[in-house]
Amino acid sequence: MQPLELFVLTDTHYYSKKNWVDGDPYAFPPAREQLYRLGSEEILRKVFDELCAPGAPEIVLISGDLTNNGEVTSHEEIREMLRELEQRGKRVFVTTATHDYRGEGVSYGFDKNNNRVDVPAFLRDDLRDFWREFGMSKAISVHEPTMCYAAELTPEYLLLALNDDRGYDHAGFTAECFEWICEQAEQAKKKGQFIIAMTHHPVLSPSPLYKLIAPGDLLEEGETRAKQFADMGVPVMFTGHSHIHNITRIDSEAGNPFYDVSTSATVGFPPNYRRVRFDPDGGTIDIKTISVENVPGLDLGGLTLPQFTEKQFLGVVTDILDAADKDYETFIRLANSFSLREPKARKLKPVIHPAAGWLNRLTFGKVWKWTRRSNGVSKEEMKPQWDRLVVPFAVKLAANLYRGDADLPKDGVEYRVASALFQKLDRLSKPFADKLKAKGIESISAILLPLLHNDGISDADYTIRL
C-alpha cells in the first residue's frame, strides 16, 4: 500500500467583511474571543497558498465550522475560495457543523456604530446541496439525512466524513447512521482499504478540564464510540470544535488503539493546521503541526500571527476572570466562548463568583504559605515571586490548554508550588470525590496538572505506531 499524505484543517470560521459597515471588529466585546471576525479572509488565503507549495499533498480535509455563524455571504465567499483551491490542483473534502447555520435563518453583522444588525443565514437543510461539490458529489456512499459520506481518496484509502451535528444540543450518531458507518467500514475492509475519518466534535475529551466544563460539546457516548471505531479498523479521527490542539488515545477492550487528533482553529489561537502522512505498510501515521506565522494584508502590530492571537486570547481570559469577580452578567456572555453555556454559568455562580474574587487577589506568597509543608520550595527561593499575583500565571495555564504540550519545568518554583496547591485541593475536595468520579474525573490534580506539563502524547508532532 502506497503512503498517502494530506492536510487537516478545522474551524475556519470564515466571516465575510460584507457584514461590517465601517465598524471596528473589536469594539463589540465577544469579537475579541478569536481573530476570525477581523482577518479570516487574509489568514485563509495565506494558508491556501501554503497548501499549494511545490511538493505539498493534494488532499485537504476541513472538519466543520466553515463560517462564523452561517451567514450566507460567508458561505458564498469561502466556497469560492475553495473552488479556487481546487482549480490549483487540490481535492477538498468538507463537513459542516453548528456554526454553519442558524435555526431561525438569521445571523448578525454590525453597522458603522457597531450596533448588531440581522443578516441572512443558512438553515441546516440549505447546507446539503450548497456544499455537495466538496464531498458528497465525490462519494461512493452518502447518508443523506446526516450528510455523512464515504469517499475513496485513492483505491487504497477510504475517507469517512462524518457529520455528527444533530442540532445545537446534541452531537453524535443515530443508530441508523452508525449502522451505515459500520457498513462502510466493512466494505472498506473487504477491499483492503485503509480508513481515514473526520468529524467535528471531539470523540475523546482533549483535556480533563474540558470534559468537566463542557461535556455537552463532546460526541455523545464518545468513549464507547471510540472503542467501536478502533475495533472496526478506524485508528484515527480528526476532530475540531474545541479549538484545543491535542492528541488523545484510548484502547478498546480488544486492545485496539484509537487516537482523537483535535486541531486548533485555523484562524484562532493557536493558528495551526496539520500535515499527516499515512504509511500502513510501514506501520506509522506521522502527524506534523504547521503554524501560520505571517499574513500579508493583515495589520498585526509587528507581531507574528501566533503572538497576536495569543495576546488576544490572553486578554479575553483576563476579561473573563475580571467579569466573574465584578460583573457576572458580562462573565456569562464571555464564558460562552469557552464552551461554558449560560444555564451552567448561572448555576455555578455561587462557586465561580467568590472563587474569581479570591483568585484575582491571590499571590504566590500566600500559596507558598498554604503548601510549604509539601512544595519543597524554600522561602529564599520564593522571595523574587512573593508578591506576584497568581492570575497572570493562571491565564497562561488557560493558554496551555488550547496550545497543548505544556512544558513548565518540573523543578521550577512555579510547578512545585502549583502542583502542591492542586494536591491540597485534592484533599479539600474529598467530600465531592464521588461527584467528580461520576464525571470521569479522578481528582483536581488530574484536571489541572496537564496544564503545567504534558507527560503524555505530544499534541503537536507525533508518530502513531500501528
Protein backbone atom coordinates (compact mmCIF):
# COMPACT_ATOMS: atom_id res chain seq x y z
CA MET A 1 0.00 0.00 0.00
CA GLN A 2 1.44 3.33 -1.07
CA PRO A 3 1.82 6.05 1.62
CA LEU A 4 -0.69 8.91 1.47
CA GLU A 5 -0.26 12.50 2.66
CA LEU A 6 -2.95 15.09 3.32
CA PHE A 7 -3.68 18.33 5.14
CA VAL A 8 -6.14 18.67 8.03
CA LEU A 9 -7.84 21.98 8.89
CA THR A 10 -10.84 22.75 11.05
CA ASP A 11 -12.87 25.66 12.39
CA THR A 12 -12.04 28.12 9.63
CA HIS A 13 -14.88 30.37 10.91
CA TYR A 14 -14.85 32.50 7.80
CA TYR A 15 -16.59 35.83 8.30
CA SER A 16 -17.45 37.99 5.30
CA LYS A 17 -16.50 41.65 5.54
CA LYS A 18 -19.83 42.43 3.91
CA ASN A 19 -21.30 42.02 7.37
CA TRP A 20 -19.40 45.09 8.62
CA VAL A 21 -20.24 48.67 7.65
CA ASP A 22 -17.22 50.78 8.59
CA GLY A 23 -17.24 49.20 12.04
CA ASP A 24 -14.46 48.27 14.45
CA PRO A 25 -14.47 44.47 14.90
CA TYR A 26 -13.04 44.66 18.40
CA ALA A 27 -15.41 47.28 19.78
CA PHE A 28 -18.03 44.60 20.31
CA PRO A 29 -16.78 42.55 23.30
CA PRO A 30 -17.35 38.97 22.10
CA ALA A 31 -15.46 39.78 18.91
CA ARG A 32 -12.22 39.68 20.92
CA GLU A 33 -12.51 35.97 21.57
CA GLN A 34 -10.86 34.98 18.28
CA LEU A 35 -9.34 36.69 15.28
CA TYR A 36 -11.70 35.42 12.63
CA ARG A 37 -14.10 38.36 12.50
CA LEU A 38 -11.26 40.66 11.50
CA GLY A 39 -8.87 38.65 9.34
CA SER A 40 -10.32 35.30 8.38
CA GLU A 41 -10.08 36.01 4.65
CA GLU A 42 -6.44 37.10 4.79
CA ILE A 43 -5.45 34.17 7.02
CA LEU A 44 -7.16 31.55 4.88
CA ARG A 45 -5.73 32.95 1.66
CA LYS A 46 -2.26 32.67 3.22
CA VAL A 47 -2.98 29.10 4.37
CA PHE A 48 -4.32 28.11 0.95
CA ASP A 49 -1.15 29.49 -0.65
CA GLU A 50 0.88 27.33 1.73
CA LEU A 51 -1.19 24.27 0.82
CA CYS A 52 -0.23 24.85 -2.82
CA ALA A 53 3.54 24.93 -2.25
CA PRO A 54 5.60 22.64 -4.52
CA GLY A 55 5.51 19.04 -3.33
CA ALA A 56 2.55 19.59 -0.98
CA PRO A 57 -0.19 16.93 -0.68
CA GLU A 58 -3.20 17.38 -2.93
CA ILE A 59 -5.88 16.31 -0.41
CA VAL A 60 -7.35 18.82 2.08
CA LEU A 61 -9.79 17.86 4.86
CA ILE A 62 -11.83 20.52 6.70
CA SER A 63 -13.97 19.21 9.55
CA GLY A 64 -16.70 21.75 10.18
CA ASP A 65 -17.48 25.28 11.31
CA LEU A 66 -16.56 26.65 7.92
CA THR A 67 -18.22 30.00 8.70
CA ASN A 68 -18.65 32.34 11.65
CA ASN A 69 -22.36 31.76 12.21
CA GLY A 70 -23.83 30.59 8.94
CA GLU A 71 -24.03 33.95 7.17
CA VAL A 72 -24.99 33.49 3.52
CA THR A 73 -22.26 35.89 2.41
CA SER A 74 -19.65 33.97 4.43
CA HIS A 75 -20.69 30.67 2.83
CA GLU A 76 -20.62 32.15 -0.67
CA GLU A 77 -17.17 33.64 -0.26
CA ILE A 78 -15.40 30.67 1.35
CA ARG A 79 -16.94 28.29 -1.16
CA GLU A 80 -15.50 30.41 -3.95
CA MET A 81 -12.09 30.34 -2.22
CA LEU A 82 -12.27 26.54 -2.04
CA ARG A 83 -13.22 26.37 -5.71
CA GLU A 84 -10.09 28.39 -6.47
CA LEU A 85 -8.10 25.98 -4.29
CA GLU A 86 -9.35 23.02 -6.32
CA GLN A 87 -8.51 24.86 -9.54
CA ARG A 88 -4.93 24.96 -8.23
CA GLY A 89 -4.88 21.17 -8.06
CA LYS A 90 -6.23 20.34 -4.60
CA ARG A 91 -9.01 17.89 -3.73
CA VAL A 92 -11.06 19.37 -0.90
CA PHE A 93 -13.41 17.40 1.38
CA VAL A 94 -15.52 19.20 3.99
CA THR A 95 -18.15 18.58 6.61
CA THR A 96 -20.33 21.27 8.15
CA ALA A 97 -21.27 21.88 11.80
CA THR A 98 -23.37 24.09 14.06
CA HIS A 99 -21.59 27.35 13.20
CA ASP A 100 -22.62 26.86 9.58
CA TYR A 101 -26.33 27.56 10.04
CA ARG A 102 -28.83 29.32 12.30
CA GLY A 103 -32.08 27.66 13.27
CA GLU A 104 -34.06 30.81 12.51
CA GLY A 105 -32.09 31.67 9.34
CA VAL A 106 -30.68 34.89 10.81
CA SER A 107 -27.14 35.69 11.94
CA TYR A 108 -25.64 39.07 12.79
CA GLY A 109 -23.42 41.82 11.46
CA PHE A 110 -22.64 45.35 12.65
CA ASP A 111 -23.43 48.83 11.39
CA LYS A 112 -21.00 51.76 11.34
CA ASN A 113 -21.74 52.43 15.02
CA ASN A 114 -21.05 48.78 15.95
CA ASN A 115 -24.69 48.03 16.66
CA ARG A 116 -25.77 44.47 15.88
CA VAL A 117 -27.91 44.08 12.77
CA ASP A 118 -29.56 40.98 11.34
CA VAL A 119 -28.02 39.34 8.26
CA PRO A 120 -29.37 36.30 6.35
CA ALA A 121 -28.02 32.89 7.34
CA PHE A 122 -28.42 29.35 6.07
CA LEU A 123 -30.80 26.85 7.58
CA ARG A 124 -29.31 23.40 8.16
CA ASP A 125 -31.02 21.86 5.13
CA ASP A 126 -29.53 24.57 2.91
CA LEU A 127 -26.06 23.14 3.51
CA ARG A 128 -26.65 19.79 1.82
CA ASP A 129 -26.77 20.99 -1.79
CA PHE A 130 -24.66 24.10 -1.29
CA TRP A 131 -21.64 22.06 -0.10
CA ARG A 132 -22.31 18.86 -2.06
CA GLU A 133 -19.48 19.51 -4.54
CA PHE A 134 -16.89 19.38 -1.72
CA GLY A 135 -17.55 15.83 -0.63
CA MET A 136 -20.90 14.24 -1.23
CA SER A 137 -20.64 14.54 -5.03
CA LYS A 138 -17.30 12.70 -4.84
CA ALA A 139 -18.61 9.97 -2.56
CA ILE A 140 -19.24 6.28 -3.17
CA SER A 141 -21.95 6.37 -0.46
CA VAL A 142 -23.90 9.15 1.27
CA HIS A 143 -26.11 9.02 4.35
CA GLU A 144 -28.39 11.83 3.20
CA PRO A 145 -30.22 12.57 6.49
CA THR A 146 -26.97 13.37 8.29
CA MET A 147 -24.81 14.42 5.30
CA CYS A 148 -22.19 11.82 6.25
CA TYR A 149 -20.36 10.37 3.27
CA ALA A 150 -17.68 7.86 2.29
CA ALA A 151 -15.21 8.81 -0.46
CA GLU A 152 -12.26 6.96 -1.93
CA LEU A 153 -9.20 9.21 -1.67
CA THR A 154 -7.33 6.56 -3.68
CA PRO A 155 -8.26 2.95 -4.42
CA GLU A 156 -6.37 2.06 -1.21
CA TYR A 157 -7.74 4.73 1.16
CA LEU A 158 -11.33 5.43 2.20
CA LEU A 159 -12.42 8.69 3.86
CA LEU A 160 -15.32 8.60 6.31
CA ALA A 161 -16.50 12.21 6.52
CA LEU A 162 -18.90 12.07 9.45
CA ASN A 163 -21.27 14.93 10.18
CA ASP A 164 -22.07 14.48 13.88
CA ASP A 165 -24.34 17.57 14.03
CA ARG A 166 -27.74 16.67 15.46
CA GLY A 167 -28.77 20.21 16.40
CA TYR A 168 -27.30 22.62 18.90
CA ASP A 169 -27.86 20.36 21.91
CA HIS A 170 -26.67 17.03 20.53
CA ALA A 171 -23.54 15.77 18.79
CA GLY A 172 -23.30 12.15 17.80
CA PHE A 173 -24.61 9.43 15.52
CA THR A 174 -28.07 7.95 15.43
CA ALA A 175 -28.38 4.16 15.43
CA GLU A 176 -29.27 4.25 11.74
CA CYS A 177 -26.28 6.46 10.92
CA PHE A 178 -23.88 4.31 12.92
CA GLU A 179 -25.14 1.21 11.14
CA TRP A 180 -24.30 2.96 7.85
CA ILE A 181 -20.82 3.78 9.21
CA CYS A 182 -20.25 0.13 10.14
CA GLU A 183 -21.33 -0.96 6.66
CA GLN A 184 -18.84 1.42 5.02
CA ALA A 185 -16.05 0.18 7.28
CA GLU A 186 -16.89 -3.44 6.48
CA GLN A 187 -16.87 -2.76 2.74
CA ALA A 188 -13.50 -0.99 3.07
CA LYS A 189 -12.10 -3.96 4.97
CA LYS A 190 -13.19 -6.32 2.17
CA LYS A 191 -11.43 -4.10 -0.37
CA GLY A 192 -8.28 -3.95 1.75
CA GLN A 193 -8.65 -0.18 2.17
CA PHE A 194 -7.18 1.87 5.00
CA ILE A 195 -9.85 4.06 6.65
CA ILE A 196 -9.28 7.74 7.45
CA ALA A 197 -12.04 9.53 9.38
CA MET A 198 -13.03 13.03 10.42
CA THR A 199 -15.88 14.52 12.41
CA HIS A 200 -16.42 17.86 14.12
CA HIS A 201 -16.94 17.31 17.85
CA PRO A 202 -14.23 15.64 19.93
CA VAL A 203 -14.81 11.92 20.35
CA LEU A 204 -12.49 11.94 23.36
CA SER A 205 -12.10 14.96 25.63
CA PRO A 206 -8.98 16.92 24.63
CA SER A 207 -8.43 17.72 28.31
CA PRO A 208 -9.84 16.55 31.65
CA LEU A 209 -10.78 20.19 32.29
CA TYR A 210 -12.76 20.41 29.04
CA LYS A 211 -14.67 17.28 29.99
CA LEU A 212 -15.66 18.95 33.25
CA ILE A 213 -16.76 22.34 31.93
CA ALA A 214 -18.14 21.38 28.50
CA PRO A 215 -19.40 17.78 28.50
CA GLY A 216 -22.18 18.79 26.10
CA ASP A 217 -19.59 19.76 23.49
CA LEU A 218 -18.25 16.22 23.24
CA LEU A 219 -19.56 13.47 20.99
CA GLU A 220 -22.31 11.62 22.83
CA GLU A 221 -21.12 8.23 24.10
CA GLY A 222 -17.70 9.30 22.90
CA GLU A 223 -15.57 6.69 24.69
CA THR A 224 -17.90 3.90 23.60
CA ARG A 225 -17.84 5.14 20.01
CA ALA A 226 -14.04 5.49 20.13
CA LYS A 227 -13.65 1.83 21.07
CA GLN A 228 -16.14 0.79 18.42
CA PHE A 229 -14.21 2.76 15.80
CA ALA A 230 -10.96 1.14 16.95
CA ASP A 231 -12.42 -2.34 16.60
CA MET A 232 -13.86 -1.64 13.13
CA GLY A 233 -10.44 -0.55 11.85
CA VAL A 234 -10.56 3.23 12.31
CA PRO A 235 -7.44 4.09 14.35
CA VAL A 236 -7.60 7.89 13.97
CA MET A 237 -10.37 10.51 13.95
CA PHE A 238 -9.57 14.12 13.05
CA THR A 239 -11.76 16.49 15.09
CA GLY A 240 -12.23 20.18 15.90
CA HIS A 241 -14.83 22.30 17.69
CA SER A 242 -12.96 22.75 20.97
CA HIS A 243 -10.19 24.87 19.34
CA ILE A 244 -7.79 22.82 21.50
CA HIS A 245 -4.65 21.39 19.87
CA ASN A 246 -4.40 17.91 21.31
CA ILE A 247 -3.92 14.22 20.65
CA THR A 248 -5.65 11.71 22.97
CA ARG A 249 -5.62 7.90 22.94
CA ILE A 250 -7.91 5.19 24.27
CA ASP A 251 -7.75 1.41 23.74
CA SER A 252 -10.69 -0.91 23.20
CA GLU A 253 -11.20 -3.99 25.32
CA ALA A 254 -9.77 -5.97 22.41
CA GLY A 255 -6.56 -3.92 22.65
CA ASN A 256 -7.10 -1.80 19.55
CA PRO A 257 -5.93 1.84 19.89
CA PHE A 258 -7.96 4.88 18.86
CA TYR A 259 -6.50 8.38 18.57
CA ASP A 260 -8.56 11.57 18.61
CA VAL A 261 -6.45 14.17 16.80
CA SER A 262 -8.01 17.51 17.71
CA THR A 263 -6.76 20.54 15.78
CA SER A 264 -7.00 24.15 16.87
CA ALA A 265 -8.94 26.74 14.87
CA THR A 266 -7.03 27.80 11.77
CA VAL A 267 -7.98 31.43 12.39
CA GLY A 268 -7.81 31.40 16.20
CA PHE A 269 -5.26 30.69 18.91
CA PRO A 270 -3.06 28.90 18.14
CA PRO A 271 -3.43 29.34 14.35
CA ASN A 272 -2.47 25.79 13.33
CA TYR A 273 -3.24 23.10 10.82
CA ARG A 274 -1.75 19.64 10.34
CA ARG A 275 0.08 17.67 7.65
CA VAL A 276 -0.36 13.91 8.02
CA ARG A 277 1.40 11.00 6.32
CA PHE A 278 -0.18 7.55 6.38
CA ASP A 279 2.09 4.55 5.82
CA PRO A 280 0.09 1.42 6.74
CA ASP A 281 2.73 -0.98 5.40
CA GLY A 282 5.38 0.80 7.46
CA GLY A 283 3.03 0.83 10.43
CA THR A 284 3.02 4.58 11.03
CA ILE A 285 0.88 7.70 10.86
CA ASP A 286 3.14 10.73 11.05
CA ILE A 287 1.43 13.92 12.29
CA LYS A 288 3.06 17.34 11.95
CA THR A 289 1.73 20.72 13.08
CA ILE A 290 2.12 23.79 10.86
CA SER A 291 1.67 27.22 12.44
CA VAL A 292 0.54 30.17 10.34
CA GLU A 293 3.22 32.78 11.04
CA ASN A 294 2.84 35.86 8.84
CA VAL A 295 -0.21 37.07 6.93
CA PRO A 296 0.12 39.68 4.16
CA GLY A 297 -2.50 42.42 4.31
CA LEU A 298 -3.27 41.96 8.00
CA ASP A 299 -2.03 44.56 10.50
CA LEU A 300 -0.76 42.59 13.49
CA GLY A 301 1.16 45.45 15.09
CA GLY A 302 4.54 43.95 14.26
CA LEU A 303 3.68 40.58 15.83
CA THR A 304 3.56 37.17 14.21
CA LEU A 305 0.10 35.64 13.92
CA PRO A 306 0.70 33.21 16.84
CA GLN A 307 1.86 36.13 19.01
CA PHE A 308 -1.09 38.30 18.02
CA THR A 309 -3.71 35.60 18.58
CA GLU A 310 -2.16 34.69 21.92
CA LYS A 311 -2.32 38.33 23.01
CA GLN A 312 -5.99 38.47 22.02
CA PHE A 313 -6.69 35.16 23.75
CA LEU A 314 -4.95 36.12 27.00
CA GLY A 315 -6.87 39.40 27.03
CA VAL A 316 -10.15 37.51 26.82
CA VAL A 317 -9.21 35.15 29.68
CA THR A 318 -8.26 38.14 31.84
CA ASP A 319 -11.55 39.85 30.96
CA ILE A 320 -13.47 36.71 31.91
CA LEU A 321 -11.80 36.40 35.31
CA ASP A 322 -12.36 40.10 35.99
CA ALA A 323 -16.01 39.88 34.94
CA ALA A 324 -16.60 36.78 37.07
CA ASP A 325 -15.50 38.88 40.04
CA LYS A 326 -17.11 42.24 39.23
CA ASP A 327 -19.81 41.82 36.54
CA TYR A 328 -21.24 38.32 36.42
CA GLU A 329 -23.68 39.05 33.60
CA THR A 330 -20.77 40.01 31.37
CA PHE A 331 -18.97 36.86 32.51
CA ILE A 332 -21.91 34.74 31.38
CA ARG A 333 -21.75 36.26 27.90
CA LEU A 334 -17.97 35.95 27.57
CA ALA A 335 -17.76 32.44 29.06
CA ASN A 336 -19.77 31.06 26.15
CA SER A 337 -16.64 31.42 24.00
CA PHE A 338 -15.01 28.82 26.27
CA SER A 339 -17.91 26.38 25.95
CA LEU A 340 -19.42 27.29 29.34
CA ARG A 341 -23.09 27.73 28.44
CA GLU A 342 -25.38 30.27 30.14
CA PRO A 343 -27.53 27.82 32.19
CA LYS A 344 -24.45 26.16 33.67
CA ALA A 345 -22.71 29.50 34.25
CA ARG A 346 -25.72 30.75 36.22
CA LYS A 347 -25.93 27.54 38.20
CA LEU A 348 -22.24 27.79 39.11
CA LYS A 349 -22.38 31.44 40.19
CA PRO A 350 -22.19 30.60 43.95
CA VAL A 351 -18.89 28.87 43.22
CA ILE A 352 -17.37 30.90 40.37
CA HIS A 353 -18.14 34.42 41.65
CA PRO A 354 -16.39 34.16 45.03
CA ALA A 355 -13.62 31.98 43.58
CA ALA A 356 -12.84 34.62 40.94
CA GLY A 357 -12.62 37.38 43.57
CA TRP A 358 -10.34 35.23 45.70
CA LEU A 359 -8.18 34.30 42.73
CA ASN A 360 -7.82 37.88 41.50
CA ARG A 361 -6.21 38.88 44.81
CA LEU A 362 -4.17 35.76 45.40
CA THR A 363 -0.34 35.96 45.45
CA PHE A 364 2.32 33.27 45.10
CA GLY A 365 3.47 34.10 48.61
CA LYS A 366 0.08 33.12 50.04
CA VAL A 367 0.04 29.89 48.03
CA TRP A 368 3.55 29.06 49.27
CA LYS A 369 2.41 29.51 52.88
CA TRP A 370 -0.53 27.15 52.38
CA THR A 371 1.65 24.48 50.78
CA ARG A 372 5.05 24.97 52.43
CA ARG A 373 5.00 21.52 54.03
CA SER A 374 4.75 19.78 50.65
CA ASN A 375 6.00 22.10 47.89
CA GLY A 376 9.74 21.66 48.53
CA VAL A 377 10.40 25.35 47.84
CA SER A 378 12.49 27.35 50.34
CA LYS A 379 11.47 30.81 51.49
CA GLU A 380 14.66 32.12 49.88
CA GLU A 381 13.61 30.69 46.51
CA MET A 382 10.22 32.35 46.89
CA LYS A 383 11.43 35.87 47.64
CA PRO A 384 11.53 37.07 43.99
CA GLN A 385 7.93 35.90 43.45
CA TRP A 386 6.43 36.57 46.86
CA ASP A 387 4.06 39.40 45.83
CA ARG A 388 3.45 38.13 42.32
CA LEU A 389 -0.25 37.76 41.51
CA VAL A 390 -1.41 34.28 40.58
CA VAL A 391 -3.92 35.39 37.91
CA PRO A 392 -1.39 36.04 35.10
CA PHE A 393 0.01 32.58 35.78
CA ALA A 394 -3.48 31.07 35.68
CA VAL A 395 -4.12 32.86 32.39
CA LYS A 396 -1.01 31.23 30.93
CA LEU A 397 -2.32 27.86 32.05
CA ALA A 398 -5.51 28.55 30.10
CA ALA A 399 -3.35 29.26 27.07
CA ASN A 400 -1.57 25.95 27.65
CA LEU A 401 -4.94 24.20 27.47
CA TYR A 402 -5.52 25.45 23.93
CA ARG A 403 -1.90 25.40 22.73
CA GLY A 404 -1.12 21.90 24.01
CA ASP A 405 2.24 20.48 25.05
CA ALA A 406 2.50 22.41 28.34
CA ASP A 407 6.18 22.42 29.28
CA LEU A 408 6.60 24.14 32.65
CA PRO A 409 9.87 22.78 34.17
CA LYS A 410 9.07 20.33 36.95
CA ASP A 411 11.99 21.53 39.04
CA GLY A 412 10.89 25.16 38.82
CA VAL A 413 9.27 27.17 41.60
CA GLU A 414 6.00 27.67 39.67
CA TYR A 415 5.48 23.97 39.03
CA ARG A 416 6.30 22.86 42.55
CA VAL A 417 4.10 25.46 44.24
CA ALA A 418 1.19 24.97 41.82
CA SER A 419 1.27 21.16 41.98
CA ALA A 420 1.38 21.31 45.79
CA LEU A 421 -1.70 23.56 45.71
CA PHE A 422 -3.53 21.10 43.45
CA GLN A 423 -2.73 18.27 45.87
CA LYS A 424 -4.08 20.35 48.73
CA LEU A 425 -7.25 20.95 46.74
CA ASP A 426 -7.49 17.18 46.25
CA ARG A 427 -7.64 16.74 50.00
CA LEU A 428 -10.20 19.52 50.41
CA SER A 429 -12.38 18.11 47.64
CA LYS A 430 -12.66 14.61 49.10
CA PRO A 431 -16.31 15.18 50.09
CA PHE A 432 -17.05 15.69 46.39
CA ALA A 433 -14.94 12.77 45.14
CA ASP A 434 -17.93 10.66 44.12
CA LYS A 435 -19.44 13.51 42.09
CA LEU A 436 -16.12 14.08 40.31
CA LYS A 437 -15.72 10.39 39.55
CA ALA A 438 -19.24 10.31 38.13
CA LYS A 439 -18.00 12.85 35.60
CA GLY A 440 -14.92 10.74 34.87
CA ILE A 441 -12.58 12.94 36.92
CA GLU A 442 -10.29 11.24 39.41
CA SER A 443 -9.11 14.40 41.20
CA ILE A 444 -8.42 18.13 40.96
CA SER A 445 -4.79 17.27 40.18
CA ALA A 446 -5.88 15.10 37.27
CA ILE A 447 -7.70 18.10 35.82
CA LEU A 448 -5.02 20.73 36.32
CA LEU A 449 -1.59 19.05 36.23
CA PRO A 450 -1.71 18.60 32.41
CA LEU A 451 -1.87 22.40 32.16
CA LEU A 452 1.55 22.58 33.80
CA HIS A 453 3.40 19.85 31.96
CA ASN A 454 2.48 17.31 29.28
CA ASP A 455 3.81 13.89 30.27
CA GLY A 456 1.86 12.04 27.58
CA ILE A 457 1.48 12.13 23.81
CA SER A 458 2.89 15.19 22.07
CA ASP A 459 -0.02 17.35 20.94
CA ALA A 460 1.86 18.96 18.04
CA ASP A 461 4.09 16.40 16.32
CA TYR A 462 3.60 12.70 16.91
CA THR A 463 4.09 9.39 15.15
CA ILE A 464 1.36 6.81 15.76
CA ARG A 465 2.63 3.22 15.64
CA LEU A 466 0.02 0.97 14.10
